[in-house]
Amino acid sequence: MQLSVIILNYNVRYFLEQCVLSVESAIKNIDAEIIVIDNNSQDTSCAMLKERFPNVKRIENKENSGFPKGNNSGVSQAKGEYICILNPDTVVAEDTFTKVLAFAKNQKDLGIIGVKLIDGTGNFLPESKRGTPTPWVAFTKITGLYQFFPKSRFFNSYYAEHLNENQTGKVDILVGAFMVMKRDLYNEIGGFDENCFMYSDDIDLSYMALQQGKSNYYFHDTTVIHYKGESTVKDGTYMKRFQEAMNFFYKKHFRVSFLFTFFMKLGIVFFSLVKTLQGKPKPKVTPANYVFVSDDEILREKLEYQFKKPVRLQSESKAFLENGNLEIIFDQKFIDFKDIIQAFEDNKNKGFTFKIIPKWTDFVIGSNSSFDRGEVIKISDFRS
């Protein structure tokens, strides 16, 4: 078998359904399997998998065993030469795995491959590629200094800015939302360290691949959506976990020095000051208009009834596309995931928000910000 896709799920039933649907389309011409590990979700994730995706291999845990242990249990049952660690709140394009595997086969020193990740608004996620977080590099991240000096190698190492988002090349650290590597290397490394704190497991795995003499690669030639709001709320708890994660990483691979402690404490003070000055987050803005990319007139009418505003089909909406404050809803029966992802990128920062109705589902799904939870609207609640 060529590929095993490992998805660890916890209470994100609708995002999981969309993710698995996209993966099924992407492995159609590949000898591959999908393994979903459910960490004792209290929603209907497992029932949905049984009903809609009976060929997906399921591991149903009786407790939330965490990210490292959950993924390790999935890989232990994988049969693929390559594995992909994939978050359930992602959407892959139909040719994502074909492109990544072709690239992988041409690398003699392959460690881990990551791809270009965007959020639900089409914006590039800089954590798609990162440098080793030394104390100074972590300090530039926690204080935001990297944003003020993006051209300086002294300040810009955290997000590996020697490469831009549209350049493929070697990087140190990749993000656990999407990681492709050989299963043998994963097992040789020992998989994810089950003692890891949150936020350091992918850093640790990437660094251990480097210690094996391998090279990690950022591969820009395919784009994956990563809805990530629930895991990125920048509050005091986030800062504490970030410090714990870095502390774990340094204890394991280096040593925790006075320099590290100083940088972290100074960074937290600086971060708290910035958050105070920023004040409360801006309230969500209701779209003024809706455009439905589909040819399904009945579904368009249902959406119009739900939103109590006109919902124009794409062919009727040219004027609206020039005005901003617009939500674009993609019917995935009508347009494939690759074209949807491209539309996200092409229309980012134009005042638009995006939602998807995955093929043969009864919900609209998406996220308007990397810092907010995603939104799910059940179509079954609309007028029939």
Protein backbone atom coordinates (compact mmCIF):
# COMPACT_ATOMS: atom_id res chain seq x y z
CA MET A 1 0.00 0.00 0.00
CA GLN A 2 1.26 3.45 -0.92
CA LEU A 3 -0.34 5.77 1.65
CA SER A 4 -2.12 5.73 5.00
CA VAL A 5 -3.97 8.92 6.01
CA ILE A 6 -4.21 9.22 9.80
CA ILE A 7 -6.91 11.55 11.18
CA LEU A 8 -7.33 12.11 14.91
CA ASN A 9 -10.81 13.40 15.79
CA TYR A 10 -12.33 14.93 18.89
CA ASN A 11 -15.81 16.45 18.78
CA VAL A 12 -15.60 18.03 15.31
CA ARG A 13 -18.09 15.77 13.55
CA TYR A 14 -18.96 18.11 10.66
CA PHE A 15 -15.39 19.19 9.96
CA LEU A 16 -14.41 15.52 10.05
CA GLU A 17 -17.08 14.62 7.49
CA GLN A 18 -15.87 17.30 5.11
CA CYS A 19 -12.23 16.29 5.67
CA VAL A 20 -12.82 12.59 4.99
CA LEU A 21 -14.88 13.44 1.92
CA SER A 22 -11.99 15.50 0.54
CA VAL A 23 -9.45 12.76 1.36
CA GLU A 24 -11.57 10.12 -0.37
CA SER A 25 -11.55 12.22 -3.52
CA ALA A 26 -7.79 12.77 -3.23
CA ILE A 27 -6.90 9.05 -2.91
CA LYS A 28 -9.24 7.82 -5.65
CA ASN A 29 -6.32 6.80 -7.89
CA ILE A 30 -3.87 5.88 -5.12
CA ASP A 31 -3.49 2.60 -3.25
CA ALA A 32 -4.36 4.15 0.09
CA GLU A 33 -6.35 3.84 3.30
CA ILE A 34 -7.95 6.24 5.76
CA ILE A 35 -7.67 5.60 9.51
CA VAL A 36 -9.71 7.77 11.88
CA ILE A 37 -8.93 7.67 15.59
CA ASP A 38 -11.74 9.09 17.71
CA ASN A 39 -10.71 10.29 21.17
CA ASN A 40 -14.04 9.61 22.89
CA SER A 41 -16.04 12.32 21.09
CA GLN A 42 -19.39 13.12 22.66
CA ASP A 43 -20.94 14.12 19.33
CA THR A 44 -22.07 11.83 16.50
CA SER A 45 -18.65 11.50 14.82
CA CYS A 46 -18.45 7.71 15.08
CA ALA A 47 -22.03 7.12 13.96
CA MET A 48 -21.46 9.38 10.96
CA LEU A 49 -18.30 7.48 9.96
CA LYS A 50 -20.07 4.11 10.19
CA GLU A 51 -22.96 5.30 8.06
CA ARG A 52 -21.26 7.45 5.45
CA PHE A 53 -17.71 6.05 5.22
CA PRO A 54 -17.93 2.31 5.97
CA ASN A 55 -14.54 1.65 4.32
CA VAL A 56 -12.73 4.00 6.70
CA LYS A 57 -10.87 2.16 9.45
CA ARG A 58 -11.99 3.40 12.86
CA ILE A 59 -10.26 3.31 16.23
CA GLU A 60 -12.74 4.35 18.93
CA ASN A 61 -10.97 5.26 22.16
CA LYS A 62 -12.82 5.27 25.46
CA GLU A 63 -10.94 8.34 26.65
CA ASN A 64 -9.26 11.41 25.20
CA SER A 65 -5.71 10.09 25.03
CA GLY A 66 -4.24 13.24 23.48
CA PHE A 67 -2.69 14.10 20.13
CA PRO A 68 0.58 12.10 20.32
CA LYS A 69 -0.86 8.86 21.69
CA GLY A 70 -3.89 8.99 19.41
CA ASN A 71 -1.80 9.41 16.27
CA ASN A 72 0.67 6.76 17.37
CA SER A 73 -2.17 4.26 17.74
CA GLY A 74 -3.33 5.06 14.22
CA VAL A 75 0.13 4.66 12.70
CA SER A 76 0.55 1.33 14.51
CA GLN A 77 -2.26 -0.06 12.35
CA ALA A 78 -1.21 1.66 9.12
CA LYS A 79 -0.03 -0.35 6.12
CA GLY A 80 1.14 2.42 3.78
CA GLU A 81 4.74 3.04 2.76
CA TYR A 82 3.98 6.70 3.50
CA ILE A 83 1.76 8.15 6.19
CA CYS A 84 -0.01 11.49 6.35
CA ILE A 85 -0.83 12.96 9.75
CA LEU A 86 -3.89 15.10 9.02
CA ASN A 87 -6.10 17.28 11.22
CA PRO A 88 -9.86 16.73 10.92
CA ASP A 89 -10.42 20.47 10.38
CA THR A 90 -8.65 20.41 7.01
CA VAL A 91 -9.71 20.18 3.37
CA VAL A 92 -7.32 18.70 0.80
CA ALA A 93 -7.46 19.17 -2.98
CA GLU A 94 -8.18 16.26 -5.32
CA ASP A 95 -4.52 16.19 -6.44
CA THR A 96 -2.84 16.96 -3.11
CA PHE A 97 -1.52 13.47 -2.36
CA THR A 98 -0.60 12.72 -5.97
CA LYS A 99 1.62 15.81 -6.03
CA VAL A 100 3.12 15.28 -2.57
CA LEU A 101 3.96 11.61 -3.19
CA ALA A 102 5.56 12.42 -6.56
CA PHE A 103 7.73 15.03 -4.81
CA ALA A 104 8.57 12.60 -1.99
CA LYS A 105 9.85 9.95 -4.36
CA ASN A 106 12.40 12.39 -5.81
CA GLN A 107 14.00 13.19 -2.44
CA LYS A 108 16.92 11.02 -1.35
CA ASP A 109 17.09 12.42 2.20
CA LEU A 110 13.37 12.68 2.89
CA GLY A 111 12.27 13.57 6.38
CA ILE A 112 8.83 15.19 6.58
CA ILE A 113 6.86 17.12 3.95
CA GLY A 114 4.47 19.93 4.79
CA VAL A 115 2.32 21.90 2.37
CA LYS A 116 0.90 25.37 1.90
CA LEU A 117 -1.86 25.85 4.46
CA ILE A 118 -4.49 28.57 4.31
CA ASP A 119 -7.22 29.45 6.77
CA GLY A 120 -10.94 29.70 6.10
CA THR A 121 -10.54 33.21 4.67
CA GLY A 122 -7.91 32.17 2.11
CA ASN A 123 -4.96 33.68 3.97
CA PHE A 124 -1.64 31.86 4.18
CA LEU A 125 -0.84 30.31 7.56
CA PRO A 126 2.79 31.12 8.35
CA GLU A 127 3.20 28.05 10.59
CA SER A 128 3.22 25.99 7.37
CA LYS A 129 7.01 26.39 7.57
CA ARG A 130 9.12 27.19 10.62
CA GLY A 131 12.64 27.27 11.97
CA THR A 132 13.99 25.56 15.06
CA PRO A 133 12.66 27.59 18.03
CA THR A 134 15.83 28.47 19.90
CA PRO A 135 15.26 30.79 22.90
CA TRP A 136 15.85 33.87 20.77
CA VAL A 137 13.68 32.62 17.90
CA ALA A 138 10.87 31.77 20.35
CA PHE A 139 11.19 35.27 21.82
CA THR A 140 10.78 36.89 18.39
CA LYS A 141 7.62 34.83 17.96
CA ILE A 142 6.07 35.50 21.35
CA THR A 143 6.71 39.26 21.11
CA GLY A 144 5.79 39.57 17.44
CA LEU A 145 9.19 41.07 16.56
CA TYR A 146 9.34 38.90 13.43
CA GLN A 147 6.49 40.98 11.97
CA PHE A 148 8.43 44.24 12.27
CA PHE A 149 11.63 42.95 10.64
CA PRO A 150 10.47 40.40 8.04
CA LYS A 151 13.61 40.79 5.90
CA SER A 152 16.08 40.32 8.73
CA ARG A 153 17.48 36.81 9.27
CA PHE A 154 18.08 37.81 12.90
CA PHE A 155 14.33 38.23 13.49
CA ASN A 156 12.53 36.17 10.84
CA SER A 157 13.63 32.59 11.56
CA TYR A 158 10.53 31.41 13.43
CA TYR A 159 8.45 31.26 10.24
CA ALA A 160 11.36 30.25 7.99
CA GLU A 161 11.10 33.41 5.94
CA HIS A 162 14.10 32.50 3.82
CA LEU A 163 11.33 30.92 1.72
CA ASN A 164 8.20 32.77 0.70
CA GLU A 165 4.86 30.97 0.68
CA ASN A 166 5.23 30.12 -3.02
CA GLN A 167 8.69 28.58 -2.81
CA THR A 168 9.43 24.92 -2.14
CA GLY A 169 12.52 24.21 -0.06
CA LYS A 170 14.11 22.82 3.07
CA VAL A 171 12.87 23.99 6.47
CA ASP A 172 13.41 22.73 10.01
CA ILE A 173 9.91 22.49 11.49
CA LEU A 174 6.50 21.59 10.03
CA VAL A 175 3.02 21.71 11.50
CA GLY A 176 1.09 18.65 12.68
CA ALA A 177 -2.05 19.62 10.74
CA PHE A 178 -0.47 18.05 7.63
CA MET A 179 2.69 15.92 7.70
CA VAL A 180 3.73 13.30 5.14
CA MET A 181 6.66 10.97 5.79
CA LYS A 182 7.70 7.37 5.37
CA ARG A 183 6.11 5.09 7.93
CA ASP A 184 9.48 3.42 8.58
CA LEU A 185 11.02 6.78 9.54
CA TYR A 186 8.10 7.57 11.85
CA ASN A 187 8.61 4.25 13.63
CA GLU A 188 12.40 4.68 13.71
CA ILE A 189 11.98 8.05 15.42
CA GLY A 190 9.44 6.57 17.81
CA GLY A 191 6.49 8.59 16.59
CA PHE A 192 5.10 11.50 18.55
CA ASP A 193 6.50 11.76 22.07
CA GLU A 194 3.54 10.96 24.32
CA ASN A 195 5.08 13.09 27.09
CA CYS A 196 4.86 16.21 24.95
CA PHE A 197 2.89 19.23 25.96
CA MET A 198 0.45 20.76 23.49
CA TYR A 199 2.16 22.86 20.80
CA SER A 200 5.47 20.99 20.88
CA ASP A 201 4.64 17.53 19.50
CA ASP A 202 5.04 18.52 15.85
CA ILE A 203 8.15 20.57 16.65
CA ASP A 204 9.65 17.58 18.41
CA LEU A 205 8.83 15.13 15.60
CA SER A 206 10.27 17.50 12.98
CA TYR A 207 13.45 18.01 14.99
CA MET A 208 13.91 14.27 15.53
CA ALA A 209 13.70 13.75 11.75
CA LEU A 210 16.53 16.26 11.37
CA GLN A 211 18.56 14.36 13.99
CA GLN A 212 18.27 11.26 11.81
CA GLY A 213 20.12 13.14 9.06
CA LYS A 214 16.94 13.75 7.07
CA SER A 215 15.68 16.94 5.44
CA ASN A 216 12.23 18.38 6.01
CA TYR A 217 10.53 20.15 3.12
CA TYR A 218 7.92 22.82 2.69
CA PHE A 219 6.09 21.97 -0.56
CA HIS A 220 4.16 24.92 -1.98
CA ASP A 221 2.61 23.29 -5.04
CA THR A 222 -0.61 22.20 -3.35
CA THR A 223 -2.81 24.10 -0.93
CA VAL A 224 -4.81 22.72 2.00
CA ILE A 225 -7.43 24.58 4.05
CA HIS A 226 -6.88 24.41 7.80
CA TYR A 227 -9.72 25.77 9.93
CA LYS A 228 -7.83 26.38 13.15
CA GLY A 229 -9.70 28.87 15.30
CA GLU A 230 -10.36 26.61 18.29
CA SER A 231 -6.67 25.96 18.86
CA THR A 232 -5.34 29.47 18.37
CA VAL A 233 -7.14 31.74 20.84
CA LYS A 234 -4.31 33.96 22.05
CA ASP A 235 -5.03 34.31 25.76
CA GLY A 236 -3.16 33.68 29.01
CA THR A 237 -3.73 29.92 28.77
CA TYR A 238 -2.21 29.90 25.28
CA MET A 239 0.88 31.73 26.55
CA LYS A 240 1.28 29.32 29.46
CA ARG A 241 1.01 26.30 27.16
CA PHE A 242 3.43 27.85 24.68
CA GLN A 243 6.00 28.34 27.44
CA GLU A 244 5.46 24.77 28.69
CA ALA A 245 5.88 23.44 25.15
CA MET A 246 9.16 25.26 24.62
CA ASN A 247 10.32 24.22 28.08
CA PHE A 248 9.66 20.55 27.21
CA PHE A 249 11.46 20.86 23.87
CA TYR A 250 14.58 22.45 25.43
CA LYS A 251 14.72 19.96 28.29
CA LYS A 252 14.59 17.06 25.85
CA HIS A 253 16.99 18.30 23.21
CA PHE A 254 19.08 21.07 24.79
CA ARG A 255 18.88 22.51 28.26
CA VAL A 256 16.67 25.09 29.94
CA SER A 257 18.94 28.06 30.48
CA PHE A 258 18.64 31.38 32.25
CA LEU A 259 18.47 32.92 28.79
CA PHE A 260 15.38 30.88 27.92
CA THR A 261 13.61 31.77 31.18
CA PHE A 262 14.44 35.46 30.73
CA PHE A 263 13.21 35.57 27.14
CA MET A 264 9.99 33.74 27.97
CA LYS A 265 9.10 35.94 30.96
CA LEU A 266 9.91 39.12 29.06
CA GLY A 267 7.88 37.88 26.10
CA ILE A 268 4.84 37.12 28.25
CA VAL A 269 4.91 40.60 29.80
CA PHE A 270 5.17 42.14 26.34
CA PHE A 271 2.37 39.93 25.02
CA SER A 272 0.06 40.82 27.91
CA LEU A 273 0.67 44.53 27.32
CA VAL A 274 -0.16 44.21 23.62
CA LYS A 275 -3.38 42.28 24.39
CA THR A 276 -4.43 44.99 26.86
CA LEU A 277 -3.88 47.72 24.28
CA GLN A 278 -5.76 45.77 21.64
CA GLY A 279 -8.86 45.53 23.80
CA LYS A 280 -11.79 43.26 22.99
CA PRO A 281 -11.97 41.44 19.65
CA LYS A 282 -14.12 43.00 16.94
CA PRO A 283 -17.69 41.69 16.73
CA LYS A 284 -18.60 39.47 13.81
CA VAL A 285 -20.13 41.24 10.82
CA THR A 286 -23.20 39.75 9.14
CA PRO A 287 -22.72 39.60 5.35
CA ALA A 288 -24.73 42.14 3.37
CA ASN A 289 -25.12 39.78 0.42
CA TYR A 290 -24.71 36.11 -0.49
CA VAL A 291 -23.50 34.45 -3.67
CA PHE A 292 -24.15 30.74 -4.24
CA VAL A 293 -21.71 28.96 -6.56
CA SER A 294 -24.05 26.25 -7.85
CA ASP A 295 -26.78 25.46 -10.36
CA ASP A 296 -29.15 24.12 -7.68
CA GLU A 297 -32.10 26.54 -7.64
CA ILE A 298 -34.00 24.66 -4.91
CA LEU A 299 -31.05 24.79 -2.55
CA ARG A 300 -30.55 28.48 -3.36
CA GLU A 301 -34.14 29.16 -2.27
CA LYS A 302 -33.56 27.32 1.01
CA LEU A 303 -30.47 29.41 1.70
CA GLU A 304 -32.36 32.60 0.91
CA TYR A 305 -35.11 31.66 3.35
CA GLN A 306 -32.55 30.91 6.06
CA PHE A 307 -30.52 34.12 5.71
CA LYS A 308 -33.55 36.35 5.07
CA LYS A 309 -31.54 38.07 2.34
CA PRO A 310 -31.20 37.61 -1.42
CA VAL A 311 -28.87 34.77 -2.39
CA ARG A 312 -27.67 35.20 -5.96
CA LEU A 313 -26.38 32.42 -8.17
CA GLN A 314 -22.84 33.05 -9.39
CA SER A 315 -24.03 33.89 -12.92
CA GLU A 316 -26.20 36.70 -11.51
CA SER A 317 -23.76 38.14 -8.99
CA LYS A 318 -21.04 40.06 -10.83
CA ALA A 319 -22.03 43.41 -9.32
CA PHE A 320 -22.04 42.00 -5.80
CA LEU A 321 -18.50 40.64 -6.19
CA GLU A 322 -17.21 44.20 -6.47
CA ASN A 323 -18.76 45.48 -3.25
CA GLY A 324 -17.20 43.44 -0.42
CA ASN A 325 -19.00 42.35 2.78
CA LEU A 326 -20.13 39.32 0.84
CA GLU A 327 -20.37 35.64 1.71
CA ILE A 328 -19.64 33.14 -1.06
CA ILE A 329 -21.15 29.68 -0.55
CA PHE A 330 -19.73 26.84 -2.65
CA ASP A 331 -21.84 23.82 -3.55
CA GLN A 332 -19.31 20.99 -3.71
CA LYS A 333 -21.63 18.96 -5.93
CA PHE A 334 -21.07 21.69 -8.50
CA ILE A 335 -17.39 22.62 -7.97
CA ASP A 336 -14.56 20.39 -6.70
CA PHE A 337 -12.41 21.02 -3.64
CA LYS A 338 -9.36 22.08 -5.65
CA ASP A 339 -11.27 24.87 -7.38
CA ILE A 340 -12.88 25.92 -4.10
CA ILE A 341 -9.46 26.19 -2.44
CA GLN A 342 -8.18 28.22 -5.39
CA ALA A 343 -11.19 30.54 -5.13
CA PHE A 344 -10.40 31.10 -1.43
CA GLU A 345 -6.87 32.17 -2.36
CA ASP A 346 -7.90 34.29 -5.35
CA ASN A 347 -10.51 36.23 -3.37
CA LYS A 348 -8.75 36.70 -0.02
CA ASN A 349 -8.73 40.13 1.61
CA LYS A 350 -11.57 41.43 -0.56
CA GLY A 351 -14.09 41.65 2.25
CA PHE A 352 -15.52 38.21 1.46
CA THR A 353 -16.21 35.26 3.73
CA PHE A 354 -16.49 31.69 2.46
CA LYS A 355 -18.60 28.64 3.27
CA ILE A 356 -18.87 25.19 1.69
CA ILE A 357 -21.75 22.74 1.36
CA PRO A 358 -19.88 19.41 1.04
CA LYS A 359 -21.28 16.94 -1.47
CA TRP A 360 -24.32 14.98 -0.24
CA THR A 361 -24.42 16.69 3.16
CA ASP A 362 -27.06 18.72 4.96
CA PHE A 363 -24.89 21.53 6.33
CA VAL A 364 -22.96 24.69 5.45
CA ILE A 365 -19.50 24.91 7.01
CA GLY A 366 -16.64 27.38 7.24
CA SER A 367 -14.74 29.89 9.35
CA ASN A 368 -14.44 33.65 9.06
CA SER A 369 -11.21 33.97 11.06
CA SER A 370 -8.19 31.99 12.22
CA PHE A 371 -9.00 33.16 15.74
CA ASP A 372 -12.67 32.15 15.96
CA ARG A 373 -14.38 28.79 16.05
CA GLY A 374 -15.74 27.50 12.80
CA GLU A 375 -19.42 27.76 11.95
CA VAL A 376 -21.80 24.97 10.98
CA ILE A 377 -25.37 25.64 9.80
CA LYS A 378 -27.62 22.62 9.34
CA ILE A 379 -29.55 22.76 6.09
CA SER A 380 -32.17 20.49 7.65
CA ASP A 381 -33.20 23.50 9.71
CA PHE A 382 -34.20 25.39 6.55
CA ARG A 383 -37.63 25.43 4.97
CA SER A 384 -38.19 22.21 3.03
